Amino acid sequence: MSNTRRMPMIDALKAVASQIVLLHHFSSYGPLAETARDLLPGLLGWLYDYGRMAVQVFLVVAGFLAARGLSPQGDALAASPLPLLWKRYQRLIIPFLAAIGIAIIGSAIADHWMDDDAIPARAGFAQWLAHATLLHGVLGVDSLSAGVWYVAIDFQLFALMALLLWAGRRAFVAPLLVLSVGAASLFWFNRNPDLDNWAIYFFGSYALGAAAWWASDPRRLSAWTGVIATVALAALVVDFRLRIALALGVALLLAAGRRSGLLERWPDVAPLAFLGRISYSVFLVHFPILLLANGLFVQLGGETPGAAVFGLLAAWTVSLLAATAFYRWIEGPEASRRIADGLGSLFARTREMLRLVPRRLRRLLGA
């Protein structure tokens, strides 16, 4: 989003959620977490148990922004969604593959420094290809970094929403399809953890975000917000899940924020805006840094909880600095576009060279 269209409330939500996810991983992996838990058992225990639920914030926000971009008035997609899916794939995959490369290098170094289950196994080509196609989750391939399952799920969710909006090419049918599939997810699919590699498991939260966008239009009846809340509360009565309660709370906050105008005005805090902007980069680069920090902790003979807490704080600081650089040079819109243009130019030149090979061979044979 350009600066003129930035939404400070969404930036703040992404900033806070990304830091909680980062700290959840910091409290879960390696000897740093194990040792630091002796000094901060309550905090690290809470982050370990509940920190992963911050992903719900990203699911709801993603659905909210997808509705804003694909169907701002609740209308259907008239054209094929395939170009949109390709554009979305490119937007995700360029920084994702760069981060996977960093993760492979970080894991290889950490593997020389320590023996820990958190270190992914050495990557093979088939494993890399599964990640490059965002199929690592559904194929059951071991992840090359923590949390990369979400990138594949994000693409699946966007694709499912675009296909539903395209399938319902009549008035009111398109959003009704999205909301119906979302309700089915809330009542049934989200209650089956065996489906957590598929978009349908998470689509309830994503659809809550989309519904929040549609219901928050000032030209629509505010009663729509009540309908959304009623459906989600009914799903919680059937089977209470704290993650869905959190998703509902975020959706209602976004709907209220847009109706009141606070979405684009509050909180106007520069650090939150910055952290929200680099949240995807934080998500992508923090795990190999955590592995390296754990490896250094082992190599330096760290044993005290105080040293472990210092190591975690240092890893957190380095993660933010690395994410800032990663955003500037790889993940940011301008950088990503520059990389995509460069790859496109390289592909075009390679194709042209391959096209000329038979002609040159004929000349050589003729000579």
Foldseek 3Di string as FASTA:
>chain_A
DDPVPDFLVLLLLLLVLLVLLLLLVLCPFFPLNVQLCVVVVPVSVCSVVCSVLSVLSVLLQLLQVLCCPQPLQLAFDADDCVVVLVVLLLLLQQLQLVLLVVLLVLLVVLVVLDDTPQRDDRDDPVLSVCVNVLNCLVVVHDDSFPPSLVSSLSSQLSVVLNVLRHVQNDPNRSLVSLQVLLLCLLQPVLVDVVCVSHNSNSSVLSNLSSQLSNCLPLVDDVCSLVVSVVSLVVSCVNPNDVSSVVSNVSSSVSSVCSNVVVRRPPDPDVVSNVSSLLSVLLVSNLGSLSSVLSSVCVVVPPRHSVVSVVSSVVSVVVSVVRSVVCCVQTNPPVNSVVVVVVVVVVVVVVVVVVVCVVVVVVVVVVD
